[in-house]
Amino acid sequence: MSLQFLIFLVLLALAFDFLNGFHDAANSIATIVSTRVMRPQWAVLWAAFFNFIAFLFFGLLVAATVGKGIIDPSIVDHYVVFGALIGAISWNIITWYFGIPSSSSHALIGGLAGAAVAKSGVGSIVAAGFLKTAAAIVLSPLIGLALGASLMIAVSWMFSGTTPRRVDRWFRRIQFVSASLYSLGHGGNDAQKTMGIIWMLLIAAEVTGPKDALPFWVVMACQSAMALGTMFGGWRIVKTMGQKITKLKPVGGACAETGGAITLFVATGLGVPVSTTHTITGAIVGVGSVNKFNAVRWGVAGNIVWAWILTIPCSAFIAAVAWFLGTQYL
């Protein structure tokens, strides 16, 4: 692999990280914007800051899972990484255009799987890591839903004798904290996925060894790209997440963000690359369903679920095609 092509792939990985922040900015800010607690331009800066500093609070277990635990590291070369990134970036752009909050994380996992299978067959998939990630597709929204609903019920009991205006005033303040915690969890889990890709690439290029630590410049570059993407925001998806699924008040926004943040903190600590999109969507649905079952627009939620189901196979197919074209023309 030439130095020029290595640099190109690192930049392509950072472009994916930027798009991840851009695409998933809605996860961090949709609730606080839709409840009118914070203006959009300030919300993106708030989220971007906490996205950036996330490396100070979390280890690199998710990066290790993506870099070494999804596909067999011995089959990784520049064509596999190229295919994986093109598959993930393409699916992110498609879903952003249509305003669908799909998972950037699972687009990347699908891209890795598609490129690896195209090169070496199904045996190149590391079953334990891939299945752990696939299980999170189901578990992360369910956990987010359960936590969001539980917190909403607990808050309703605690403030049962308090006037709605006072509750609203309190939770407009609390939502600053809950939004920052969710952004911290988002930056901690999602930026590490790109770190894992670059780590994998550096090992394949023999720039660093399999047992060497991840270079600090990779950590800083990925956190910066994620934060910059968040600053530009994905307003099409903000509208879907914050307004179309259910109508949120500050108390509901705070419960959804807190439930989502707890899920992300636990997953990141265990090294599981979960979908921040799935997590916050589940939490929003949980909060909405506590107030009234039909307060949730289940048709919109159903369309989002279909996007989740299609993400891995579609990004895998695009990645396989990109891998083939890359081997022929690059």
C-alpha atoms as a PDB file:
ATOM      1  CA  MET A   1       0.000   0.000   0.000  1.00  0.00           C
ATOM      2  CA  SER A   2       1.435   3.372  -1.013  1.00  0.00           C
ATOM      3  CA  LEU A   3       1.675   6.214   1.484  1.00  0.00           C
ATOM      4  CA  GLN A   4      -0.627   8.337  -0.679  1.00  0.00           C
ATOM      5  CA  PHE A   5      -3.359   5.681  -0.671  1.00  0.00           C
ATOM      6  CA  LEU A   6      -2.973   5.183   3.092  1.00  0.00           C
ATOM      7  CA  ILE A   7      -3.459   8.927   3.642  1.00  0.00           C
ATOM      8  CA  PHE A   8      -6.471   8.878   1.297  1.00  0.00           C
ATOM      9  CA  LEU A   9      -8.104   6.069   3.288  1.00  0.00           C
ATOM     10  CA  VAL A  10      -7.445   7.805   6.630  1.00  0.00           C
ATOM     11  CA  LEU A  11      -9.080  10.950   5.231  1.00  0.00           C
ATOM     12  CA  LEU A  12     -11.975   8.865   3.908  1.00  0.00           C
ATOM     13  CA  ALA A  13     -12.418   7.359   7.394  1.00  0.00           C
ATOM     14  CA  LEU A  14     -12.453  10.842   8.902  1.00  0.00           C
ATOM     15  CA  ALA A  15     -15.015  11.880   6.276  1.00  0.00           C
ATOM     16  CA  PHE A  16     -17.205   9.026   7.488  1.00  0.00           C
ATOM     17  CA  ASP A  17     -16.684  10.214  11.074  1.00  0.00           C
ATOM     18  CA  PHE A  18     -17.715  13.740  10.046  1.00  0.00           C
ATOM     19  CA  LEU A  19     -20.834  12.361   8.327  1.00  0.00           C
ATOM     20  CA  ASN A  20     -21.531  10.246  11.412  1.00  0.00           C
ATOM     21  CA  GLY A  21     -21.574  13.395  13.548  1.00  0.00           C
ATOM     22  CA  PHE A  22     -23.585  15.253  10.897  1.00  0.00           C
ATOM     23  CA  HIS A  23     -26.074  12.398  10.478  1.00  0.00           C
ATOM     24  CA  ASP A  24     -26.375  11.593  14.191  1.00  0.00           C
ATOM     25  CA  ALA A  25     -26.401  15.171  15.470  1.00  0.00           C
ATOM     26  CA  ALA A  26     -30.164  14.708  15.632  1.00  0.00           C
ATOM     27  CA  ASN A  27     -29.681  12.075  18.317  1.00  0.00           C
ATOM     28  CA  SER A  28     -27.940  14.561  20.568  1.00  0.00           C
ATOM     29  CA  ILE A  29     -30.001  17.679  19.983  1.00  0.00           C
ATOM     30  CA  ALA A  30     -33.449  16.737  18.631  1.00  0.00           C
ATOM     31  CA  THR A  31     -35.083  16.525  22.046  1.00  0.00           C
ATOM     32  CA  ILE A  32     -33.622  19.718  23.488  1.00  0.00           C
ATOM     33  CA  VAL A  33     -34.437  21.639  20.287  1.00  0.00           C
ATOM     34  CA  SER A  34     -37.976  20.283  19.933  1.00  0.00           C
ATOM     35  CA  THR A  35     -38.802  21.188  23.551  1.00  0.00           C
ATOM     36  CA  ARG A  36     -37.536  24.737  22.837  1.00  0.00           C
ATOM     37  CA  VAL A  37     -35.108  24.607  25.737  1.00  0.00           C
ATOM     38  CA  MET A  38     -32.206  25.557  23.464  1.00  0.00           C
ATOM     39  CA  ARG A  39     -31.979  27.197  20.078  1.00  0.00           C
ATOM     40  CA  PRO A  40     -30.629  24.958  17.281  1.00  0.00           C
ATOM     41  CA  GLN A  41     -27.395  26.901  16.729  1.00  0.00           C
ATOM     42  CA  TRP A  42     -26.519  26.727  20.434  1.00  0.00           C
ATOM     43  CA  ALA A  43     -27.633  23.110  20.727  1.00  0.00           C
ATOM     44  CA  VAL A  44     -25.213  21.916  18.055  1.00  0.00           C
ATOM     45  CA  LEU A  45     -22.316  23.717  19.735  1.00  0.00           C
ATOM     46  CA  TRP A  46     -23.329  22.218  23.089  1.00  0.00           C
ATOM     47  CA  ALA A  47     -23.480  18.712  21.628  1.00  0.00           C
ATOM     48  CA  ALA A  48     -20.247  19.145  19.649  1.00  0.00           C
ATOM     49  CA  PHE A  49     -18.318  20.157  22.762  1.00  0.00           C
ATOM     50  CA  PHE A  50     -19.387  17.072  24.701  1.00  0.00           C
ATOM     51  CA  ASN A  51     -18.819  14.873  21.638  1.00  0.00           C
ATOM     52  CA  PHE A  52     -15.232  16.126  21.525  1.00  0.00           C
ATOM     53  CA  ILE A  53     -14.311  15.667  25.197  1.00  0.00           C
ATOM     54  CA  ALA A  54     -15.760  12.127  25.381  1.00  0.00           C
ATOM     55  CA  PHE A  55     -12.296  10.550  25.031  1.00  0.00           C
ATOM     56  CA  LEU A  56     -11.451  11.907  28.487  1.00  0.00           C
ATOM     57  CA  PHE A  57     -14.135   9.710  30.083  1.00  0.00           C
ATOM     58  CA  PHE A  58     -14.096   6.411  28.185  1.00  0.00           C
ATOM     59  CA  GLY A  59     -11.549   3.743  27.312  1.00  0.00           C
ATOM     60  CA  LEU A  60     -11.032   2.339  23.810  1.00  0.00           C
ATOM     61  CA  LEU A  61     -12.883  -0.964  24.100  1.00  0.00           C
ATOM     62  CA  VAL A  62     -15.324  -0.115  21.294  1.00  0.00           C
ATOM     63  CA  ALA A  63     -12.421   0.802  18.994  1.00  0.00           C
ATOM     64  CA  ALA A  64     -10.815  -2.570  19.782  1.00  0.00           C
ATOM     65  CA  THR A  65     -14.061  -4.406  18.975  1.00  0.00           C
ATOM     66  CA  VAL A  66     -14.420  -2.696  15.592  1.00  0.00           C
ATOM     67  CA  GLY A  67     -10.718  -2.886  14.751  1.00  0.00           C
ATOM     68  CA  LYS A  68     -10.155  -6.522  15.688  1.00  0.00           C
ATOM     69  CA  GLY A  69     -13.459  -8.188  16.615  1.00  0.00           C
ATOM     70  CA  ILE A  70     -15.838  -7.887  13.629  1.00  0.00           C
ATOM     71  CA  ILE A  71     -13.819  -9.364  10.757  1.00  0.00           C
ATOM     72  CA  ASP A  72     -10.636 -11.447  10.680  1.00  0.00           C
ATOM     73  CA  PRO A  73      -7.757  -8.917  10.901  1.00  0.00           C
ATOM     74  CA  SER A  74      -5.558 -11.128   8.686  1.00  0.00           C
ATOM     75  CA  ILE A  75      -7.740 -10.514   5.604  1.00  0.00           C
ATOM     76  CA  VAL A  76      -7.831  -6.730   6.006  1.00  0.00           C
ATOM     77  CA  ASP A  77      -6.185  -4.703   3.271  1.00  0.00           C
ATOM     78  CA  HIS A  78      -6.738  -1.293   1.734  1.00  0.00           C
ATOM     79  CA  TYR A  79      -9.451  -2.622  -0.605  1.00  0.00           C
ATOM     80  CA  VAL A  80     -11.481  -4.034   2.299  1.00  0.00           C
ATOM     81  CA  VAL A  81     -11.273  -0.752   4.217  1.00  0.00           C
ATOM     82  CA  PHE A  82     -12.135   1.219   1.059  1.00  0.00           C
ATOM     83  CA  GLY A  83     -15.201  -0.945   0.398  1.00  0.00           C
ATOM     84  CA  ALA A  84     -16.377  -0.745   4.026  1.00  0.00           C
ATOM     85  CA  LEU A  85     -16.120   3.050   4.138  1.00  0.00           C
ATOM     86  CA  ILE A  86     -17.820   3.590   0.765  1.00  0.00           C
ATOM     87  CA  GLY A  87     -20.672   1.287   1.846  1.00  0.00           C
ATOM     88  CA  ALA A  88     -21.165   3.123   5.158  1.00  0.00           C
ATOM     89  CA  ILE A  89     -20.828   6.639   3.691  1.00  0.00           C
ATOM     90  CA  SER A  90     -23.216   5.874   0.814  1.00  0.00           C
ATOM     91  CA  TRP A  91     -25.931   4.526   3.126  1.00  0.00           C
ATOM     92  CA  ASN A  92     -25.525   7.504   5.471  1.00  0.00           C
ATOM     93  CA  ILE A  93     -26.018   9.940   2.592  1.00  0.00           C
ATOM     94  CA  ILE A  94     -29.054   8.051   1.250  1.00  0.00           C
ATOM     95  CA  THR A  95     -30.807   7.947   4.626  1.00  0.00           C
ATOM     96  CA  TRP A  96     -29.877  11.563   5.430  1.00  0.00           C
ATOM     97  CA  TYR A  97     -31.407  12.706   2.130  1.00  0.00           C
ATOM     98  CA  PHE A  98     -34.714  11.035   2.960  1.00  0.00           C
ATOM     99  CA  GLY A  99     -34.600  12.190   6.613  1.00  0.00           C
ATOM    100  CA  ILE A 100     -34.458   8.638   7.983  1.00  0.00           C
ATOM    101  CA  PRO A 101     -32.590   8.225  11.320  1.00  0.00           C
ATOM    102  CA  SER A 102     -30.721   5.040  10.434  1.00  0.00           C
ATOM    103  CA  SER A 103     -27.649   3.809  12.265  1.00  0.00           C
ATOM    104  CA  SER A 104     -24.215   5.025  11.129  1.00  0.00           C
ATOM    105  CA  SER A 105     -22.720   2.375  13.407  1.00  0.00           C
ATOM    106  CA  HIS A 106     -24.487  -0.516  11.749  1.00  0.00           C
ATOM    107  CA  ALA A 107     -23.818   0.947   8.308  1.00  0.00           C
ATOM    108  CA  LEU A 108     -20.122   0.677   9.158  1.00  0.00           C
ATOM    109  CA  ILE A 109     -20.497  -2.848  10.539  1.00  0.00           C
ATOM    110  CA  GLY A 110     -22.435  -3.843   7.414  1.00  0.00           C
ATOM    111  CA  GLY A 111     -19.771  -2.249   5.241  1.00  0.00           C
ATOM    112  CA  LEU A 112     -17.006  -4.198   6.984  1.00  0.00           C
ATOM    113  CA  ALA A 113     -18.936  -7.450   6.666  1.00  0.00           C
ATOM    114  CA  GLY A 114     -19.805  -6.889   2.996  1.00  0.00           C
ATOM    115  CA  ALA A 115     -16.240  -6.076   1.945  1.00  0.00           C
ATOM    116  CA  ALA A 116     -14.794  -8.964   3.982  1.00  0.00           C
ATOM    117  CA  VAL A 117     -17.257 -11.529   2.596  1.00  0.00           C
ATOM    118  CA  ALA A 118     -16.662 -10.277  -0.957  1.00  0.00           C
ATOM    119  CA  LYS A 119     -12.947 -10.927  -0.502  1.00  0.00           C
ATOM    120  CA  SER A 120     -12.761 -14.089   1.609  1.00  0.00           C
ATOM    121  CA  GLY A 121     -16.256 -15.485   2.145  1.00  0.00           C
ATOM    122  CA  VAL A 122     -18.437 -15.816   5.227  1.00  0.00           C
ATOM    123  CA  GLY A 123     -15.598 -17.409   7.213  1.00  0.00           C
ATOM    124  CA  SER A 124     -13.888 -14.013   7.429  1.00  0.00           C
ATOM    125  CA  ILE A 125     -16.572 -12.782   9.864  1.00  0.00           C
ATOM    126  CA  VAL A 126     -15.664 -13.041  13.562  1.00  0.00           C
ATOM    127  CA  ALA A 127     -18.888 -14.598  14.813  1.00  0.00           C
ATOM    128  CA  ALA A 128     -18.625 -13.482  18.460  1.00  0.00           C
ATOM    129  CA  GLY A 129     -18.061  -9.807  17.684  1.00  0.00           C
ATOM    130  CA  PHE A 130     -20.542  -9.639  14.814  1.00  0.00           C
ATOM    131  CA  LEU A 131     -23.314 -11.381  16.764  1.00  0.00           C
ATOM    132  CA  LYS A 132     -22.701  -9.154  19.793  1.00  0.00           C
ATOM    133  CA  THR A 133     -23.176  -6.120  17.573  1.00  0.00           C
ATOM    134  CA  ALA A 134     -26.207  -7.643  15.833  1.00  0.00           C
ATOM    135  CA  ALA A 135     -27.821  -8.387  19.216  1.00  0.00           C
ATOM    136  CA  ALA A 136     -27.429  -4.711  20.116  1.00  0.00           C
ATOM    137  CA  ILE A 137     -29.724  -3.830  17.179  1.00  0.00           C
ATOM    138  CA  VAL A 138     -32.574  -5.398  19.144  1.00  0.00           C
ATOM    139  CA  LEU A 139     -31.424  -4.716  22.687  1.00  0.00           C
ATOM    140  CA  SER A 140     -30.352  -1.047  22.523  1.00  0.00           C
ATOM    141  CA  PRO A 141     -33.768   0.375  21.516  1.00  0.00           C
ATOM    142  CA  LEU A 142     -35.545  -1.944  23.960  1.00  0.00           C
ATOM    143  CA  ILE A 143     -33.262  -0.893  26.811  1.00  0.00           C
ATOM    144  CA  GLY A 144     -33.639   2.758  25.808  1.00  0.00           C
ATOM    145  CA  LEU A 145     -37.430   2.306  25.699  1.00  0.00           C
ATOM    146  CA  ALA A 146     -37.531   0.616  29.111  1.00  0.00           C
ATOM    147  CA  LEU A 147     -35.293   3.233  30.748  1.00  0.00           C
ATOM    148  CA  GLY A 148     -37.125   6.164  29.128  1.00  0.00           C
ATOM    149  CA  ALA A 149     -40.510   4.819  30.229  1.00  0.00           C
ATOM    150  CA  SER A 150     -39.268   3.943  33.743  1.00  0.00           C
ATOM    151  CA  LEU A 151     -37.760   7.374  34.284  1.00  0.00           C
ATOM    152  CA  MET A 152     -40.918   9.045  33.014  1.00  0.00           C
ATOM    153  CA  ILE A 153     -43.071   7.002  35.417  1.00  0.00           C
ATOM    154  CA  ALA A 154     -40.713   7.712  38.338  1.00  0.00           C
ATOM    155  CA  VAL A 155     -40.736  11.445  37.608  1.00  0.00           C
ATOM    156  CA  SER A 156     -44.553  11.419  37.369  1.00  0.00           C
ATOM    157  CA  TRP A 157     -44.747   9.882  40.855  1.00  0.00           C
ATOM    158  CA  MET A 158     -42.159  12.219  42.340  1.00  0.00           C
ATOM    159  CA  PHE A 159     -43.817  15.367  41.004  1.00  0.00           C
ATOM    160  CA  SER A 160     -47.451  14.275  41.256  1.00  0.00           C
ATOM    161  CA  GLY A 161     -48.356  17.191  43.538  1.00  0.00           C
ATOM    162  CA  THR A 162     -46.377  19.822  41.631  1.00  0.00           C
ATOM    163  CA  THR A 163     -47.911  22.250  39.162  1.00  0.00           C
ATOM    164  CA  PRO A 164     -47.116  21.640  35.467  1.00  0.00           C
ATOM    165  CA  ARG A 165     -45.510  25.082  35.182  1.00  0.00           C
ATOM    166  CA  ARG A 166     -43.068  24.327  38.013  1.00  0.00           C
ATOM    167  CA  VAL A 167     -42.236  20.893  36.572  1.00  0.00           C
ATOM    168  CA  ASP A 168     -41.606  22.500  33.192  1.00  0.00           C
ATOM    169  CA  ARG A 169     -39.325  25.119  34.749  1.00  0.00           C
ATOM    170  CA  TRP A 170     -37.264  22.509  36.615  1.00  0.00           C
ATOM    171  CA  PHE A 171     -36.851  20.194  33.661  1.00  0.00           C
ATOM    172  CA  ARG A 172     -35.904  22.967  31.277  1.00  0.00           C
ATOM    173  CA  ARG A 173     -32.807  23.293  33.476  1.00  0.00           C
ATOM    174  CA  ILE A 174     -32.295  19.548  33.946  1.00  0.00           C
ATOM    175  CA  GLN A 175     -32.399  19.013  30.195  1.00  0.00           C
ATOM    176  CA  PHE A 176     -29.107  20.885  29.811  1.00  0.00           C
ATOM    177  CA  VAL A 177     -27.498  18.144  31.915  1.00  0.00           C
ATOM    178  CA  SER A 178     -29.299  15.219  30.259  1.00  0.00           C
ATOM    179  CA  ALA A 179     -28.469  16.489  26.750  1.00  0.00           C
ATOM    180  CA  SER A 180     -24.804  16.861  27.661  1.00  0.00           C
ATOM    181  CA  LEU A 181     -24.707  13.318  29.080  1.00  0.00           C
ATOM    182  CA  TYR A 182     -26.255  11.912  25.923  1.00  0.00           C
ATOM    183  CA  SER A 183     -23.791  13.835  23.727  1.00  0.00           C
ATOM    184  CA  LEU A 184     -20.961  12.510  25.878  1.00  0.00           C
ATOM    185  CA  GLY A 185     -22.193   8.943  25.370  1.00  0.00           C
ATOM    186  CA  HIS A 186     -22.621   9.545  21.650  1.00  0.00           C
ATOM    187  CA  GLY A 187     -19.076  10.857  21.265  1.00  0.00           C
ATOM    188  CA  GLY A 188     -17.683   8.042  23.404  1.00  0.00           C
ATOM    189  CA  ASN A 189     -19.305   5.211  21.433  1.00  0.00           C
ATOM    190  CA  ASP A 190     -19.513   6.506  17.865  1.00  0.00           C
ATOM    191  CA  ALA A 191     -16.122   8.194  17.428  1.00  0.00           C
ATOM    192  CA  GLN A 192     -14.418   4.987  18.577  1.00  0.00           C
ATOM    193  CA  LYS A 193     -15.837   3.100  15.595  1.00  0.00           C
ATOM    194  CA  THR A 194     -13.811   5.233  13.213  1.00  0.00           C
ATOM    195  CA  MET A 195     -10.797   4.889  15.505  1.00  0.00           C
ATOM    196  CA  GLY A 196     -11.166   1.131  15.097  1.00  0.00           C
ATOM    197  CA  ILE A 197     -11.223   1.426  11.286  1.00  0.00           C
ATOM    198  CA  ILE A 198      -8.070   3.572  11.214  1.00  0.00           C
ATOM    199  CA  TRP A 199      -6.421   1.264  13.754  1.00  0.00           C
ATOM    200  CA  MET A 200      -7.222  -1.694  11.502  1.00  0.00           C
ATOM    201  CA  LEU A 201      -5.808   0.185   8.509  1.00  0.00           C
ATOM    202  CA  LEU A 202      -2.572   1.128  10.278  1.00  0.00           C
ATOM    203  CA  ILE A 203      -2.026  -2.490  11.339  1.00  0.00           C
ATOM    204  CA  ALA A 204      -2.665  -3.726   7.778  1.00  0.00           C
ATOM    205  CA  ALA A 205      -0.181  -1.165   6.435  1.00  0.00           C
ATOM    206  CA  GLU A 206       2.337  -2.267   9.131  1.00  0.00           C
ATOM    207  CA  VAL A 207       2.587   1.290  10.414  1.00  0.00           C
ATOM    208  CA  THR A 208       1.784  -0.054  13.880  1.00  0.00           C
ATOM    209  CA  GLY A 209       1.758  -3.550  15.354  1.00  0.00           C
ATOM    210  CA  PRO A 210      -1.317  -5.585  16.427  1.00  0.00           C
ATOM    211  CA  LYS A 211      -0.328  -5.254  20.084  1.00  0.00           C
ATOM    212  CA  ASP A 212       0.610  -1.577  19.958  1.00  0.00           C
ATOM    213  CA  ALA A 213      -1.602   1.076  21.530  1.00  0.00           C
ATOM    214  CA  LEU A 214      -3.813   3.221  19.347  1.00  0.00           C
ATOM    215  CA  PRO A 215      -1.855   6.383  18.422  1.00  0.00           C
ATOM    216  CA  PHE A 216      -3.170   9.458  20.218  1.00  0.00           C
ATOM    217  CA  TRP A 217      -3.377  11.454  16.993  1.00  0.00           C
ATOM    218  CA  VAL A 218      -6.032   9.009  15.782  1.00  0.00           C
ATOM    219  CA  VAL A 219      -8.100   9.633  18.933  1.00  0.00           C
ATOM    220  CA  MET A 220      -7.881  13.408  18.535  1.00  0.00           C
ATOM    221  CA  ALA A 221      -8.590  13.336  14.787  1.00  0.00           C
ATOM    222  CA  CYS A 222     -11.693  11.153  15.214  1.00  0.00           C
ATOM    223  CA  GLN A 223     -13.109  13.158  18.119  1.00  0.00           C
ATOM    224  CA  SER A 224     -12.524  16.387  16.160  1.00  0.00           C
ATOM    225  CA  ALA A 225     -14.191  15.060  12.987  1.00  0.00           C
ATOM    226  CA  MET A 226     -17.182  13.840  15.001  1.00  0.00           C
ATOM    227  CA  ALA A 227     -17.526  17.205  16.763  1.00  0.00           C
ATOM    228  CA  LEU A 228     -17.272  19.171  13.500  1.00  0.00           C
ATOM    229  CA  GLY A 229     -19.939  16.996  11.899  1.00  0.00           C
ATOM    230  CA  THR A 230     -22.223  17.576  14.860  1.00  0.00           C
ATOM    231  CA  MET A 231     -21.697  21.345  14.562  1.00  0.00           C
ATOM    232  CA  PHE A 232     -23.034  21.284  10.999  1.00  0.00           C
ATOM    233  CA  GLY A 233     -26.017  19.178  12.115  1.00  0.00           C
ATOM    234  CA  GLY A 234     -28.515  17.034  10.243  1.00  0.00           C
ATOM    235  CA  TRP A 235     -31.687  19.114  10.348  1.00  0.00           C
ATOM    236  CA  ARG A 236     -33.829  16.763   8.241  1.00  0.00           C
ATOM    237  CA  ILE A 237     -33.384  14.040  10.874  1.00  0.00           C
ATOM    238  CA  VAL A 238     -33.831  16.450  13.794  1.00  0.00           C
ATOM    239  CA  LYS A 239     -37.385  17.056  12.559  1.00  0.00           C
ATOM    240  CA  THR A 240     -38.154  13.321  12.433  1.00  0.00           C
ATOM    241  CA  MET A 241     -36.646  12.543  15.823  1.00  0.00           C
ATOM    242  CA  GLY A 242     -37.910  15.582  17.703  1.00  0.00           C
ATOM    243  CA  GLN A 243     -41.364  16.127  16.212  1.00  0.00           C
ATOM    244  CA  LYS A 244     -42.693  13.237  14.142  1.00  0.00           C
ATOM    245  CA  ILE A 245     -42.381  10.307  16.578  1.00  0.00           C
ATOM    246  CA  THR A 246     -44.157  11.973  19.515  1.00  0.00           C
ATOM    247  CA  LYS A 247     -44.635  15.449  20.963  1.00  0.00           C
ATOM    248  CA  LEU A 248     -42.081  16.108  23.693  1.00  0.00           C
ATOM    249  CA  LYS A 249     -42.069  18.443  26.689  1.00  0.00           C
ATOM    250  CA  PRO A 250     -38.905  19.222  28.700  1.00  0.00           C
ATOM    251  CA  VAL A 251     -39.667  16.488  31.264  1.00  0.00           C
ATOM    252  CA  GLY A 252     -40.028  13.902  28.477  1.00  0.00           C
ATOM    253  CA  GLY A 253     -36.930  15.157  26.695  1.00  0.00           C
ATOM    254  CA  ALA A 254     -34.869  14.892  29.882  1.00  0.00           C
ATOM    255  CA  CYS A 255     -36.096  11.333  30.577  1.00  0.00           C
ATOM    256  CA  ALA A 256     -35.417  10.209  27.002  1.00  0.00           C
ATOM    257  CA  GLU A 257     -31.909  11.700  26.980  1.00  0.00           C
ATOM    258  CA  THR A 258     -31.050  10.263  30.405  1.00  0.00           C
ATOM    259  CA  GLY A 259     -32.309   6.793  29.483  1.00  0.00           C
ATOM    260  CA  GLY A 260     -30.345   6.909  26.251  1.00  0.00           C
ATOM    261  CA  ALA A 261     -27.210   8.159  28.003  1.00  0.00           C
ATOM    262  CA  ILE A 262     -27.288   5.339  30.584  1.00  0.00           C
ATOM    263  CA  THR A 263     -27.572   2.777  27.768  1.00  0.00           C
ATOM    264  CA  LEU A 264     -24.640   4.283  25.881  1.00  0.00           C
ATOM    265  CA  PHE A 265     -22.434   4.552  28.977  1.00  0.00           C
ATOM    266  CA  VAL A 266     -22.953   0.861  29.801  1.00  0.00           C
ATOM    267  CA  ALA A 267     -22.440  -0.286  26.204  1.00  0.00           C
ATOM    268  CA  THR A 268     -19.262   1.761  25.787  1.00  0.00           C
ATOM    269  CA  GLY A 269     -17.891   0.410  29.066  1.00  0.00           C
ATOM    270  CA  LEU A 270     -18.505  -3.139  27.802  1.00  0.00           C
ATOM    271  CA  GLY A 271     -16.958  -2.418  24.392  1.00  0.00           C
ATOM    272  CA  VAL A 272     -20.210  -2.955  22.467  1.00  0.00           C
ATOM    273  CA  PRO A 273     -20.623  -0.723  19.373  1.00  0.00           C
ATOM    274  CA  VAL A 274     -24.321   0.163  19.688  1.00  0.00           C
ATOM    275  CA  SER A 275     -26.458   2.487  17.614  1.00  0.00           C
ATOM    276  CA  THR A 276     -27.038   5.879  19.196  1.00  0.00           C
ATOM    277  CA  THR A 277     -29.953   6.291  16.775  1.00  0.00           C
ATOM    278  CA  HIS A 278     -31.641   3.087  17.937  1.00  0.00           C
ATOM    279  CA  THR A 279     -31.064   3.991  21.568  1.00  0.00           C
ATOM    280  CA  ILE A 280     -32.572   7.478  21.545  1.00  0.00           C
ATOM    281  CA  THR A 281     -35.460   6.433  19.287  1.00  0.00           C
ATOM    282  CA  GLY A 282     -36.388   3.680  21.743  1.00  0.00           C
ATOM    283  CA  ALA A 283     -36.159   6.123  24.646  1.00  0.00           C
ATOM    284  CA  ILE A 284     -38.394   8.678  22.889  1.00  0.00           C
ATOM    285  CA  VAL A 285     -40.981   5.991  22.107  1.00  0.00           C
ATOM    286  CA  GLY A 286     -40.853   4.829  25.757  1.00  0.00           C
ATOM    287  CA  VAL A 287     -41.460   8.345  27.055  1.00  0.00           C
ATOM    288  CA  GLY A 288     -44.299   8.972  24.591  1.00  0.00           C
ATOM    289  CA  SER A 289     -46.058   5.681  25.329  1.00  0.00           C
ATOM    290  CA  VAL A 290     -46.196   6.404  29.091  1.00  0.00           C
ATOM    291  CA  ASN A 291     -48.439   9.419  28.585  1.00  0.00           C
ATOM    292  CA  LYS A 292     -50.709   7.813  26.037  1.00  0.00           C
ATOM    293  CA  PHE A 293     -50.156   4.783  23.805  1.00  0.00           C
ATOM    294  CA  ASN A 294     -51.453   6.560  20.718  1.00  0.00           C
ATOM    295  CA  ALA A 295     -49.286   9.613  21.473  1.00  0.00           C
ATOM    296  CA  VAL A 296     -46.582   7.744  19.567  1.00  0.00           C
ATOM    297  CA  ARG A 297     -46.908   7.924  15.800  1.00  0.00           C
ATOM    298  CA  TRP A 298     -46.355   4.227  15.271  1.00  0.00           C
ATOM    299  CA  GLY A 299     -46.351   4.536  11.483  1.00  0.00           C
ATOM    300  CA  VAL A 300     -43.283   6.809  11.633  1.00  0.00           C
ATOM    301  CA  ALA A 301     -41.653   4.498  14.183  1.00  0.00           C
ATOM    302  CA  GLY A 302     -42.374   1.530  11.893  1.00  0.00           C
ATOM    303  CA  ASN A 303     -40.664   3.234   8.943  1.00  0.00           C
ATOM    304  CA  ILE A 304     -37.615   3.830  11.125  1.00  0.00           C
ATOM    305  CA  VAL A 305     -37.525   0.147  12.125  1.00  0.00           C
ATOM    306  CA  TRP A 306     -37.552  -0.851   8.465  1.00  0.00           C
ATOM    307  CA  ALA A 307     -34.516   1.388   7.923  1.00  0.00           C
ATOM    308  CA  TRP A 308     -32.787  -0.383  10.814  1.00  0.00           C
ATOM    309  CA  ILE A 309     -33.503  -3.802   9.300  1.00  0.00           C
ATOM    310  CA  LEU A 310     -32.185  -2.751   5.880  1.00  0.00           C
ATOM    311  CA  THR A 311     -29.063  -0.910   7.073  1.00  0.00           C
ATOM    312  CA  ILE A 312     -26.620  -3.816   7.425  1.00  0.00           C
ATOM    313  CA  PRO A 313     -27.594  -5.734   4.244  1.00  0.00           C
ATOM    314  CA  CYS A 314     -27.767  -2.582   2.091  1.00  0.00           C
ATOM    315  CA  SER A 315     -24.470  -1.135   3.304  1.00  0.00           C
ATOM    316  CA  ALA A 316     -22.905  -4.604   2.976  1.00  0.00           C
ATOM    317  CA  PHE A 317     -24.063  -4.878  -0.656  1.00  0.00           C
ATOM    318  CA  ILE A 318     -22.722  -1.411  -1.523  1.00  0.00           C
ATOM    319  CA  ALA A 319     -19.437  -2.249   0.233  1.00  0.00           C
ATOM    320  CA  ALA A 320     -19.059  -5.519  -1.716  1.00  0.00           C
ATOM    321  CA  VAL A 321     -19.570  -3.667  -5.011  1.00  0.00           C
ATOM    322  CA  ALA A 322     -17.118  -0.936  -3.911  1.00  0.00           C
ATOM    323  CA  TRP A 323     -14.552  -3.605  -2.927  1.00  0.00           C
ATOM    324  CA  PHE A 324     -14.823  -5.231  -6.368  1.00  0.00           C
ATOM    325  CA  LEU A 325     -14.512  -1.878  -8.191  1.00  0.00           C
ATOM    326  CA  GLY A 326     -11.593  -0.932  -5.969  1.00  0.00           C
ATOM    327  CA  THR A 327      -9.671  -4.113  -6.833  1.00  0.00           C
ATOM    328  CA  GLN A 328     -10.251  -3.450 -10.530  1.00  0.00           C
ATOM    329  CA  TYR A 329      -9.504   0.272 -10.790  1.00  0.00           C
ATOM    330  CA  LEU A 330      -7.472   1.410  -7.767  1.00  0.00           C
END
